[in-house]
């Protein structure tokens, strides 16, 4: 079932004009297998996919029900090697608790700095980027000091965290869309989810504004797959980024070139530049003036092949 859903979601993404996507964690290696199927032409109605395999977390940590549990630097090192062996394109780490996992505080520190650092070390050996889920201030600082490429969420960033973002050049991947979707359905999500998201959404919004104001680059990300947050709604997250200080042009760059940098593929895609892949979205109207026009998809080309329209 998970594999079938993944194929359906991939088609939904390409029809929404998303030509490249990064999947930050799933059951087993479904995302790795789908990425391979797309590369080999078995699945054609899909974006280019970069897959992490399961996210790596501590025992009982956030997302453990779909993650790969590891404790201590040696186990974390082995876990990274295992997912790379399976074909992962990048590494996803869980540095703090999260919203949808019961029994843990969203801001609680989970992996230590040492555990995060060995994971980054192993990833760098093969040129892989590293994404770190981090809500809490200490977890954000640990992830940045370890050298991760991107920090997902960054809900409780403090002054030192802002400084480290700027110093390291790490990229913010805000997922305020996911938080807003859960807030819109408080009576339909589990009580513990409603409690946690209600307590932190305002702080998360404040943190995004602070980071953007400090000049931290922001990429497009939605946390799709979380409650009431389907795949393909990147345009709505870009609107949120524009409202939090990026403006329309900055938000468009977040969804294109900055995202390509976050994925480590800016030399092949992310801008309409001679020599890069012809990954092109055509829409009705001017999204620089109205970002909602990104939803009015008229045609999509992936690597020069027209798949939509």
C-alpha atoms as a PDB file:
ATOM      1  CA  UNK A   1       0.000   0.000   0.000  1.00  0.00           C
ATOM      2  CA  UNK A   2       2.804   2.435   0.913  1.00  0.00           C
ATOM      3  CA  UNK A   3       4.470   1.904  -2.462  1.00  0.00           C
ATOM      4  CA  UNK A   4       1.203   2.464  -4.327  1.00  0.00           C
ATOM      5  CA  UNK A   5       0.555   5.652  -2.386  1.00  0.00           C
ATOM      6  CA  UNK A   6       4.065   6.821  -3.153  1.00  0.00           C
ATOM      7  CA  UNK A   7       3.537   6.400  -6.905  1.00  0.00           C
ATOM      8  CA  UNK A   8       0.219   8.264  -6.712  1.00  0.00           C
ATOM      9  CA  UNK A   9       1.818  11.075  -4.700  1.00  0.00           C
ATOM     10  CA  UNK A  10       4.654  11.336  -7.217  1.00  0.00           C
ATOM     11  CA  UNK A  11       2.149  11.897 -10.017  1.00  0.00           C
ATOM     12  CA  UNK A  12       0.361  14.485  -7.921  1.00  0.00           C
ATOM     13  CA  UNK A  13       3.661  16.331  -7.438  1.00  0.00           C
ATOM     14  CA  UNK A  14       4.598  16.480 -11.102  1.00  0.00           C
ATOM     15  CA  UNK A  15       1.103  17.646 -12.048  1.00  0.00           C
ATOM     16  CA  UNK A  16       1.511  20.442  -9.502  1.00  0.00           C
ATOM     17  CA  UNK A  17       4.639  21.571 -11.348  1.00  0.00           C
ATOM     18  CA  UNK A  18       7.202  20.188  -8.900  1.00  0.00           C
ATOM     19  CA  UNK A  19       9.991  18.730 -11.028  1.00  0.00           C
ATOM     20  CA  UNK A  20      12.338  17.671  -8.215  1.00  0.00           C
ATOM     21  CA  UNK A  21      11.427  16.536  -4.715  1.00  0.00           C
ATOM     22  CA  UNK A  22      13.335  15.442  -1.623  1.00  0.00           C
ATOM     23  CA  UNK A  23      11.655  12.720   0.456  1.00  0.00           C
ATOM     24  CA  UNK A  24      12.853  12.987   4.051  1.00  0.00           C
ATOM     25  CA  UNK A  25      11.677   9.678   5.459  1.00  0.00           C
ATOM     26  CA  UNK A  26       9.188   6.884   4.976  1.00  0.00           C
ATOM     27  CA  UNK A  27       8.444   3.268   5.776  1.00  0.00           C
ATOM     28  CA  UNK A  28      11.475   1.143   5.030  1.00  0.00           C
ATOM     29  CA  UNK A  29      13.106   1.992   1.715  1.00  0.00           C
ATOM     30  CA  UNK A  30       9.952   2.791  -0.265  1.00  0.00           C
ATOM     31  CA  UNK A  31      11.237   6.228  -1.261  1.00  0.00           C
ATOM     32  CA  UNK A  32      14.599   4.811  -2.347  1.00  0.00           C
ATOM     33  CA  UNK A  33      12.869   2.177  -4.481  1.00  0.00           C
ATOM     34  CA  UNK A  34      10.566   4.775  -6.049  1.00  0.00           C
ATOM     35  CA  UNK A  35      13.498   7.082  -6.813  1.00  0.00           C
ATOM     36  CA  UNK A  36      15.231   4.185  -8.554  1.00  0.00           C
ATOM     37  CA  UNK A  37      12.075   3.306 -10.498  1.00  0.00           C
ATOM     38  CA  UNK A  38      11.809   6.910 -11.711  1.00  0.00           C
ATOM     39  CA  UNK A  39      15.455   7.019 -12.775  1.00  0.00           C
ATOM     40  CA  UNK A  40      15.065   3.761 -14.673  1.00  0.00           C
ATOM     41  CA  UNK A  41      11.871   4.868 -16.413  1.00  0.00           C
ATOM     42  CA  UNK A  42       9.611   2.339 -14.719  1.00  0.00           C
ATOM     43  CA  UNK A  43       7.571   5.231 -13.302  1.00  0.00           C
ATOM     44  CA  UNK A  44       7.360   8.171 -15.695  1.00  0.00           C
ATOM     45  CA  UNK A  45       4.745  10.533 -14.232  1.00  0.00           C
ATOM     46  CA  UNK A  46       6.926  11.670 -11.371  1.00  0.00           C
ATOM     47  CA  UNK A  47       9.497  14.325 -10.488  1.00  0.00           C
ATOM     48  CA  UNK A  48      13.181  13.646 -10.021  1.00  0.00           C
ATOM     49  CA  UNK A  49      13.353  12.140  -6.518  1.00  0.00           C
ATOM     50  CA  UNK A  50      16.098  12.334  -3.907  1.00  0.00           C
ATOM     51  CA  UNK A  51      15.397   9.889  -1.096  1.00  0.00           C
ATOM     52  CA  UNK A  52      16.738   9.458   2.428  1.00  0.00           C
ATOM     53  CA  UNK A  53      15.283   6.064   3.235  1.00  0.00           C
ATOM     54  CA  UNK A  54      14.078   5.991   6.848  1.00  0.00           C
ATOM     55  CA  UNK A  55      14.998   8.929   9.081  1.00  0.00           C
ATOM     56  CA  UNK A  56      17.590   8.011  11.705  1.00  0.00           C
ATOM     57  CA  UNK A  57      16.456   8.612  15.279  1.00  0.00           C
ATOM     58  CA  UNK A  58      17.277   7.562  18.831  1.00  0.00           C
ATOM     59  CA  UNK A  59      15.437   4.620  20.358  1.00  0.00           C
ATOM     60  CA  UNK A  60      11.906   5.823  21.021  1.00  0.00           C
ATOM     61  CA  UNK A  61      12.673   9.140  19.348  1.00  0.00           C
ATOM     62  CA  UNK A  62      10.459  11.227  17.123  1.00  0.00           C
ATOM     63  CA  UNK A  63       9.247   9.216  14.140  1.00  0.00           C
ATOM     64  CA  UNK A  64      10.596   5.935  15.503  1.00  0.00           C
ATOM     65  CA  UNK A  65       7.578   4.104  14.056  1.00  0.00           C
ATOM     66  CA  UNK A  66       8.909   4.729  10.545  1.00  0.00           C
ATOM     67  CA  UNK A  67      12.540   5.459  11.427  1.00  0.00           C
ATOM     68  CA  UNK A  68      15.791   3.607  11.939  1.00  0.00           C
ATOM     69  CA  UNK A  69      16.675   3.658  15.639  1.00  0.00           C
ATOM     70  CA  UNK A  70      20.284   4.072  16.751  1.00  0.00           C
ATOM     71  CA  UNK A  71      21.960   5.051  20.023  1.00  0.00           C
ATOM     72  CA  UNK A  72      25.464   6.394  20.527  1.00  0.00           C
ATOM     73  CA  UNK A  73      28.003   7.481  17.917  1.00  0.00           C
ATOM     74  CA  UNK A  74      28.927   3.960  16.776  1.00  0.00           C
ATOM     75  CA  UNK A  75      25.326   2.909  16.147  1.00  0.00           C
ATOM     76  CA  UNK A  76      24.542   6.187  14.407  1.00  0.00           C
ATOM     77  CA  UNK A  77      27.594   5.774  12.181  1.00  0.00           C
ATOM     78  CA  UNK A  78      26.459   2.275  11.226  1.00  0.00           C
ATOM     79  CA  UNK A  79      22.894   3.437  10.606  1.00  0.00           C
ATOM     80  CA  UNK A  80      24.123   6.100   8.184  1.00  0.00           C
ATOM     81  CA  UNK A  81      26.224   3.510   6.373  1.00  0.00           C
ATOM     82  CA  UNK A  82      23.219   1.187   6.199  1.00  0.00           C
ATOM     83  CA  UNK A  83      20.917   3.709   4.547  1.00  0.00           C
ATOM     84  CA  UNK A  84      23.660   4.789   2.150  1.00  0.00           C
ATOM     85  CA  UNK A  85      24.207   1.133   1.269  1.00  0.00           C
ATOM     86  CA  UNK A  86      20.487   0.834   0.529  1.00  0.00           C
ATOM     87  CA  UNK A  87      20.776   3.696  -1.953  1.00  0.00           C
ATOM     88  CA  UNK A  88      19.894   6.830   0.005  1.00  0.00           C
ATOM     89  CA  UNK A  89      20.763  10.096  -1.727  1.00  0.00           C
ATOM     90  CA  UNK A  90      21.056  12.042   1.531  1.00  0.00           C
ATOM     91  CA  UNK A  91      20.713  11.530   5.286  1.00  0.00           C
ATOM     92  CA  UNK A  92      17.790  12.591   7.481  1.00  0.00           C
ATOM     93  CA  UNK A  93      18.471  12.924  11.226  1.00  0.00           C
ATOM     94  CA  UNK A  94      16.103  13.523  14.123  1.00  0.00           C
ATOM     95  CA  UNK A  95      17.711  16.016  16.511  1.00  0.00           C
ATOM     96  CA  UNK A  96      14.663  16.767  18.695  1.00  0.00           C
ATOM     97  CA  UNK A  97      11.188  15.582  19.501  1.00  0.00           C
ATOM     98  CA  UNK A  98       8.292  16.336  17.199  1.00  0.00           C
ATOM     99  CA  UNK A  99       4.583  17.019  17.014  1.00  0.00           C
ATOM    100  CA  UNK A 100       3.097  13.799  15.667  1.00  0.00           C
ATOM    101  CA  UNK A 101       4.970  11.361  17.922  1.00  0.00           C
ATOM    102  CA  UNK A 102       3.166  10.648  21.203  1.00  0.00           C
ATOM    103  CA  UNK A 103       5.020  10.847  24.498  1.00  0.00           C
ATOM    104  CA  UNK A 104       7.744  13.279  23.460  1.00  0.00           C
ATOM    105  CA  UNK A 105       8.031  17.054  23.698  1.00  0.00           C
ATOM    106  CA  UNK A 106       8.498  18.738  20.335  1.00  0.00           C
ATOM    107  CA  UNK A 107      11.383  20.813  21.673  1.00  0.00           C
ATOM    108  CA  UNK A 108      13.179  18.071  23.626  1.00  0.00           C
ATOM    109  CA  UNK A 109      16.774  17.368  22.601  1.00  0.00           C
ATOM    110  CA  UNK A 110      17.264  13.839  21.304  1.00  0.00           C
ATOM    111  CA  UNK A 111      20.472  13.051  19.382  1.00  0.00           C
ATOM    112  CA  UNK A 112      23.560  14.534  20.999  1.00  0.00           C
ATOM    113  CA  UNK A 113      26.059  16.753  19.210  1.00  0.00           C
ATOM    114  CA  UNK A 114      28.491  13.830  19.009  1.00  0.00           C
ATOM    115  CA  UNK A 115      25.881  11.545  17.443  1.00  0.00           C
ATOM    116  CA  UNK A 116      24.910  14.180  14.897  1.00  0.00           C
ATOM    117  CA  UNK A 117      28.553  14.940  14.094  1.00  0.00           C
ATOM    118  CA  UNK A 118      29.451  11.342  13.221  1.00  0.00           C
ATOM    119  CA  UNK A 119      26.421  11.150  10.944  1.00  0.00           C
ATOM    120  CA  UNK A 120      27.534  14.273   9.088  1.00  0.00           C
ATOM    121  CA  UNK A 121      31.062  12.901   8.893  1.00  0.00           C
ATOM    122  CA  UNK A 122      29.864   9.687   7.251  1.00  0.00           C
ATOM    123  CA  UNK A 123      27.607  11.536   4.822  1.00  0.00           C
ATOM    124  CA  UNK A 124      30.397  13.861   3.751  1.00  0.00           C
ATOM    125  CA  UNK A 125      32.602  10.900   2.861  1.00  0.00           C
ATOM    126  CA  UNK A 126      30.281  10.171  -0.047  1.00  0.00           C
ATOM    127  CA  UNK A 127      29.273  13.760  -0.789  1.00  0.00           C
ATOM    128  CA  UNK A 128      25.772  13.401   0.647  1.00  0.00           C
ATOM    129  CA  UNK A 129      23.864  16.272   2.217  1.00  0.00           C
ATOM    130  CA  UNK A 130      22.281  16.025   5.677  1.00  0.00           C
ATOM    131  CA  UNK A 131      18.856  17.238   6.785  1.00  0.00           C
ATOM    132  CA  UNK A 132      18.071  17.552  10.495  1.00  0.00           C
ATOM    133  CA  UNK A 133      14.598  17.687  11.986  1.00  0.00           C
ATOM    134  CA  UNK A 134      14.930  20.142  14.890  1.00  0.00           C
ATOM    135  CA  UNK A 135      12.315  22.114  16.796  1.00  0.00           C
ATOM    136  CA  UNK A 136      14.066  22.857  20.099  1.00  0.00           C
ATOM    137  CA  UNK A 137      16.791  25.494  20.542  1.00  0.00           C
ATOM    138  CA  UNK A 138      19.470  23.109  21.822  1.00  0.00           C
ATOM    139  CA  UNK A 139      18.759  20.579  19.089  1.00  0.00           C
ATOM    140  CA  UNK A 140      18.982  23.300  16.450  1.00  0.00           C
ATOM    141  CA  UNK A 141      22.357  24.434  17.823  1.00  0.00           C
ATOM    142  CA  UNK A 142      23.641  20.850  17.953  1.00  0.00           C
ATOM    143  CA  UNK A 143      22.606  20.207  14.370  1.00  0.00           C
ATOM    144  CA  UNK A 144      24.265  23.384  13.118  1.00  0.00           C
ATOM    145  CA  UNK A 145      27.464  22.738  15.047  1.00  0.00           C
ATOM    146  CA  UNK A 146      27.533  19.225  13.595  1.00  0.00           C
ATOM    147  CA  UNK A 147      27.499  20.728  10.099  1.00  0.00           C
ATOM    148  CA  UNK A 148      24.114  19.745   8.679  1.00  0.00           C
ATOM    149  CA  UNK A 149      23.036  21.151   5.316  1.00  0.00           C
ATOM    150  CA  UNK A 150      19.460  22.011   6.265  1.00  0.00           C
ATOM    151  CA  UNK A 151      17.421  22.356   9.436  1.00  0.00           C
ATOM    152  CA  UNK A 152      13.766  21.421   9.131  1.00  0.00           C
ATOM    153  CA  UNK A 153      11.243  23.437  11.196  1.00  0.00           C
ATOM    154  CA  UNK A 154      13.611  25.412  13.512  1.00  0.00           C
ATOM    155  CA  UNK A 155      10.600  26.304  15.642  1.00  0.00           C
ATOM    156  CA  UNK A 156      12.363  27.507  18.812  1.00  0.00           C
ATOM    157  CA  UNK A 157      15.522  29.084  17.435  1.00  0.00           C
ATOM    158  CA  UNK A 158      17.388  31.338  19.880  1.00  0.00           C
ATOM    159  CA  UNK A 159      19.989  34.072  19.325  1.00  0.00           C
ATOM    160  CA  UNK A 160      22.852  31.595  19.238  1.00  0.00           C
ATOM    161  CA  UNK A 161      20.956  29.465  16.762  1.00  0.00           C
ATOM    162  CA  UNK A 162      20.440  32.440  14.460  1.00  0.00           C
ATOM    163  CA  UNK A 163      24.161  33.227  14.689  1.00  0.00           C
ATOM    164  CA  UNK A 164      25.080  29.632  13.866  1.00  0.00           C
ATOM    165  CA  UNK A 165      22.738  29.568  10.871  1.00  0.00           C
ATOM    166  CA  UNK A 166      24.468  32.636   9.480  1.00  0.00           C
ATOM    167  CA  UNK A 167      27.963  31.403  10.368  1.00  0.00           C
ATOM    168  CA  UNK A 168      27.547  27.917   8.869  1.00  0.00           C
ATOM    169  CA  UNK A 169      25.481  28.856   5.832  1.00  0.00           C
ATOM    170  CA  UNK A 170      22.895  26.212   6.682  1.00  0.00           C
ATOM    171  CA  UNK A 171      19.527  26.464   4.956  1.00  0.00           C
ATOM    172  CA  UNK A 172      16.183  26.753   6.717  1.00  0.00           C
ATOM    173  CA  UNK A 173      13.370  24.473   5.582  1.00  0.00           C
ATOM    174  CA  UNK A 174      10.284  25.918   7.204  1.00  0.00           C
ATOM    175  CA  UNK A 175       7.164  23.765   7.320  1.00  0.00           C
ATOM    176  CA  UNK A 176       4.668  26.262   8.671  1.00  0.00           C
ATOM    177  CA  UNK A 177       2.139  24.940   6.165  1.00  0.00           C
ATOM    178  CA  UNK A 178       2.031  21.646   8.057  1.00  0.00           C
ATOM    179  CA  UNK A 179       1.480  23.446  11.353  1.00  0.00           C
ATOM    180  CA  UNK A 180      -1.301  25.573   9.905  1.00  0.00           C
ATOM    181  CA  UNK A 181      -3.032  22.530   8.457  1.00  0.00           C
ATOM    182  CA  UNK A 182      -3.046  20.843  11.848  1.00  0.00           C
ATOM    183  CA  UNK A 183      -4.341  24.004  13.499  1.00  0.00           C
ATOM    184  CA  UNK A 184      -7.209  24.029  11.000  1.00  0.00           C
ATOM    185  CA  UNK A 185      -8.174  20.506  12.076  1.00  0.00           C
ATOM    186  CA  UNK A 186      -7.619  20.579  15.836  1.00  0.00           C
ATOM    187  CA  UNK A 187     -10.769  18.580  16.494  1.00  0.00           C
ATOM    188  CA  UNK A 188      -9.695  15.861  14.062  1.00  0.00           C
ATOM    189  CA  UNK A 189      -6.064  15.257  15.053  1.00  0.00           C
ATOM    190  CA  UNK A 190      -5.104  13.283  18.181  1.00  0.00           C
ATOM    191  CA  UNK A 191      -5.374  15.304  21.385  1.00  0.00           C
ATOM    192  CA  UNK A 192      -1.621  15.253  21.991  1.00  0.00           C
ATOM    193  CA  UNK A 193      -1.000  16.665  18.500  1.00  0.00           C
ATOM    194  CA  UNK A 194      -3.545  19.443  19.047  1.00  0.00           C
ATOM    195  CA  UNK A 195      -1.934  20.285  22.399  1.00  0.00           C
ATOM    196  CA  UNK A 196       1.594  20.492  21.008  1.00  0.00           C
ATOM    197  CA  UNK A 197       0.827  22.375  17.819  1.00  0.00           C
ATOM    198  CA  UNK A 198      -1.339  24.910  19.636  1.00  0.00           C
ATOM    199  CA  UNK A 199       1.509  25.669  22.018  1.00  0.00           C
ATOM    200  CA  UNK A 200       4.216  26.206  19.435  1.00  0.00           C
ATOM    201  CA  UNK A 201       2.817  27.501  16.133  1.00  0.00           C
ATOM    202  CA  UNK A 202       3.197  31.171  17.120  1.00  0.00           C
ATOM    203  CA  UNK A 203       6.788  30.613  18.219  1.00  0.00           C
ATOM    204  CA  UNK A 204       7.508  28.731  15.002  1.00  0.00           C
ATOM    205  CA  UNK A 205       6.185  31.651  12.965  1.00  0.00           C
ATOM    206  CA  UNK A 206       8.304  34.092  14.968  1.00  0.00           C
ATOM    207  CA  UNK A 207      11.407  31.959  14.415  1.00  0.00           C
ATOM    208  CA  UNK A 208      10.905  31.902  10.646  1.00  0.00           C
ATOM    209  CA  UNK A 209      10.612  35.693  10.596  1.00  0.00           C
ATOM    210  CA  UNK A 210      13.788  36.062  12.686  1.00  0.00           C
ATOM    211  CA  UNK A 211      15.802  33.768  10.463  1.00  0.00           C
ATOM    212  CA  UNK A 212      14.651  35.373   7.228  1.00  0.00           C
ATOM    213  CA  UNK A 213      15.341  38.838   8.657  1.00  0.00           C
ATOM    214  CA  UNK A 214      18.866  37.670   9.521  1.00  0.00           C
ATOM    215  CA  UNK A 215      19.463  36.690   5.907  1.00  0.00           C
ATOM    216  CA  UNK A 216      19.315  32.922   6.403  1.00  0.00           C
ATOM    217  CA  UNK A 217      18.460  31.246   3.074  1.00  0.00           C
ATOM    218  CA  UNK A 218      15.119  29.441   3.054  1.00  0.00           C
ATOM    219  CA  UNK A 219      14.189  26.527   0.821  1.00  0.00           C
ATOM    220  CA  UNK A 220      10.738  25.280  -0.101  1.00  0.00           C
ATOM    221  CA  UNK A 221       9.416  22.399   1.992  1.00  0.00           C
ATOM    222  CA  UNK A 222       5.984  21.274   3.127  1.00  0.00           C
ATOM    223  CA  UNK A 223       6.368  18.261   5.456  1.00  0.00           C
ATOM    224  CA  UNK A 224       3.813  16.561   3.220  1.00  0.00           C
ATOM    225  CA  UNK A 225       2.428  13.350   4.626  1.00  0.00           C
ATOM    226  CA  UNK A 226       1.719  14.847   8.032  1.00  0.00           C
ATOM    227  CA  UNK A 227      -1.970  15.140   9.062  1.00  0.00           C
ATOM    228  CA  UNK A 228      -4.161  17.022   6.563  1.00  0.00           C
ATOM    229  CA  UNK A 229      -1.078  18.011   4.569  1.00  0.00           C
ATOM    230  CA  UNK A 230      -1.147  16.301   1.154  1.00  0.00           C
ATOM    231  CA  UNK A 231       1.634  16.286  -1.414  1.00  0.00           C
ATOM    232  CA  UNK A 232       1.745  18.961  -4.088  1.00  0.00           C
ATOM    233  CA  UNK A 233       0.956  22.091  -2.066  1.00  0.00           C
ATOM    234  CA  UNK A 234       4.381  23.743  -2.227  1.00  0.00           C
ATOM    235  CA  UNK A 235       2.847  26.926  -3.656  1.00  0.00           C
ATOM    236  CA  UNK A 236       1.031  27.514  -0.371  1.00  0.00           C
ATOM    237  CA  UNK A 237       4.235  27.183   1.637  1.00  0.00           C
ATOM    238  CA  UNK A 238       5.925  29.675  -0.686  1.00  0.00           C
ATOM    239  CA  UNK A 239       3.122  32.146   0.026  1.00  0.00           C
ATOM    240  CA  UNK A 240       3.829  31.697   3.745  1.00  0.00           C
ATOM    241  CA  UNK A 241       7.538  32.388   3.207  1.00  0.00           C
ATOM    242  CA  UNK A 242       6.690  35.509   1.218  1.00  0.00           C
ATOM    243  CA  UNK A 243       4.487  36.716   4.073  1.00  0.00           C
ATOM    244  CA  UNK A 244       7.279  36.072   6.591  1.00  0.00           C
ATOM    245  CA  UNK A 245       9.742  38.394   4.898  1.00  0.00           C
ATOM    246  CA  UNK A 246      10.941  36.839   1.640  1.00  0.00           C
ATOM    247  CA  UNK A 247       8.496  38.614  -0.651  1.00  0.00           C
ATOM    248  CA  UNK A 248       7.261  37.030  -3.870  1.00  0.00           C
ATOM    249  CA  UNK A 249      10.581  36.954  -5.732  1.00  0.00           C
ATOM    250  CA  UNK A 250      12.413  35.584  -2.698  1.00  0.00           C
ATOM    251  CA  UNK A 251       9.773  32.900  -2.282  1.00  0.00           C
ATOM    252  CA  UNK A 252      10.121  31.892  -5.929  1.00  0.00           C
ATOM    253  CA  UNK A 253      13.858  31.578  -5.436  1.00  0.00           C
ATOM    254  CA  UNK A 254      13.231  29.513  -2.289  1.00  0.00           C
ATOM    255  CA  UNK A 255      11.253  27.038  -4.350  1.00  0.00           C
ATOM    256  CA  UNK A 256      13.836  26.829  -7.115  1.00  0.00           C
ATOM    257  CA  UNK A 257      17.504  27.767  -6.799  1.00  0.00           C
ATOM    258  CA  UNK A 258      17.775  27.735  -2.993  1.00  0.00           C
ATOM    259  CA  UNK A 259      16.044  24.363  -2.891  1.00  0.00           C
ATOM    260  CA  UNK A 260      18.479  23.052  -5.488  1.00  0.00           C
ATOM    261  CA  UNK A 261      21.363  24.234  -3.303  1.00  0.00           C
ATOM    262  CA  UNK A 262      19.804  22.528  -0.296  1.00  0.00           C
ATOM    263  CA  UNK A 263      19.683  19.284  -2.245  1.00  0.00           C
ATOM    264  CA  UNK A 264      23.230  19.678  -3.544  1.00  0.00           C
ATOM    265  CA  UNK A 265      22.112  19.762  -7.171  1.00  0.00           C
ATOM    266  CA  UNK A 266      22.311  23.458  -8.041  1.00  0.00           C
ATOM    267  CA  UNK A 267      24.782  22.678 -10.816  1.00  0.00           C
ATOM    268  CA  UNK A 268      22.132  20.690 -12.718  1.00  0.00           C
ATOM    269  CA  UNK A 269      18.803  22.359 -11.919  1.00  0.00           C
ATOM    270  CA  UNK A 270      17.145  25.185 -10.011  1.00  0.00           C
ATOM    271  CA  UNK A 271      17.462  27.930 -12.626  1.00  0.00           C
ATOM    272  CA  UNK A 272      16.942  28.408 -16.357  1.00  0.00           C
ATOM    273  CA  UNK A 273      20.614  28.381 -17.242  1.00  0.00           C
ATOM    274  CA  UNK A 274      22.373  26.953 -20.327  1.00  0.00           C
ATOM    275  CA  UNK A 275      23.712  23.498 -19.553  1.00  0.00           C
ATOM    276  CA  UNK A 276      21.245  22.700 -16.785  1.00  0.00           C
ATOM    277  CA  UNK A 277      18.337  20.269 -17.033  1.00  0.00           C
ATOM    278  CA  UNK A 278      15.256  21.632 -18.746  1.00  0.00           C
ATOM    279  CA  UNK A 279      12.998  21.326 -15.703  1.00  0.00           C
ATOM    280  CA  UNK A 280      10.355  23.935 -16.464  1.00  0.00           C
ATOM    281  CA  UNK A 281       6.973  24.957 -15.102  1.00  0.00           C
ATOM    282  CA  UNK A 282       4.604  27.106 -17.159  1.00  0.00           C
ATOM    283  CA  UNK A 283       1.702  28.832 -15.408  1.00  0.00           C
ATOM    284  CA  UNK A 284      -1.119  31.186 -16.346  1.00  0.00           C
ATOM    285  CA  UNK A 285      -0.261  34.659 -15.100  1.00  0.00           C
ATOM    286  CA  UNK A 286       2.761  36.146 -13.373  1.00  0.00           C
ATOM    287  CA  UNK A 287       3.678  34.453 -10.059  1.00  0.00           C
ATOM    288  CA  UNK A 288       6.104  37.281  -9.267  1.00  0.00           C
ATOM    289  CA  UNK A 289       3.016  39.448  -8.844  1.00  0.00           C
ATOM    290  CA  UNK A 290       0.675  36.768  -7.473  1.00  0.00           C
ATOM    291  CA  UNK A 291       2.139  33.552  -6.059  1.00  0.00           C
ATOM    292  CA  UNK A 292      -1.245  31.831  -6.273  1.00  0.00           C
ATOM    293  CA  UNK A 293      -0.640  31.665 -10.037  1.00  0.00           C
ATOM    294  CA  UNK A 294       1.749  28.792  -9.310  1.00  0.00           C
ATOM    295  CA  UNK A 295      -1.368  26.667  -8.907  1.00  0.00           C
ATOM    296  CA  UNK A 296      -2.548  27.531 -12.431  1.00  0.00           C
ATOM    297  CA  UNK A 297      -0.253  24.980 -14.073  1.00  0.00           C
ATOM    298  CA  UNK A 298      -0.468  24.893 -17.871  1.00  0.00           C
ATOM    299  CA  UNK A 299       2.575  22.747 -18.698  1.00  0.00           C
ATOM    300  CA  UNK A 300       5.470  20.932 -17.040  1.00  0.00           C
ATOM    301  CA  UNK A 301       8.705  19.753 -18.624  1.00  0.00           C
ATOM    302  CA  UNK A 302      11.087  17.406 -16.846  1.00  0.00           C
ATOM    303  CA  UNK A 303      14.555  17.056 -18.378  1.00  0.00           C
ATOM    304  CA  UNK A 304      13.125  18.585 -21.555  1.00  0.00           C
ATOM    305  CA  UNK A 305      10.241  16.119 -21.841  1.00  0.00           C
ATOM    306  CA  UNK A 306       6.739  17.557 -21.603  1.00  0.00           C
ATOM    307  CA  UNK A 307       4.797  15.518 -19.041  1.00  0.00           C
ATOM    308  CA  UNK A 308       1.878  17.843 -18.311  1.00  0.00           C
ATOM    309  CA  UNK A 309      -0.198  20.079 -20.597  1.00  0.00           C
END
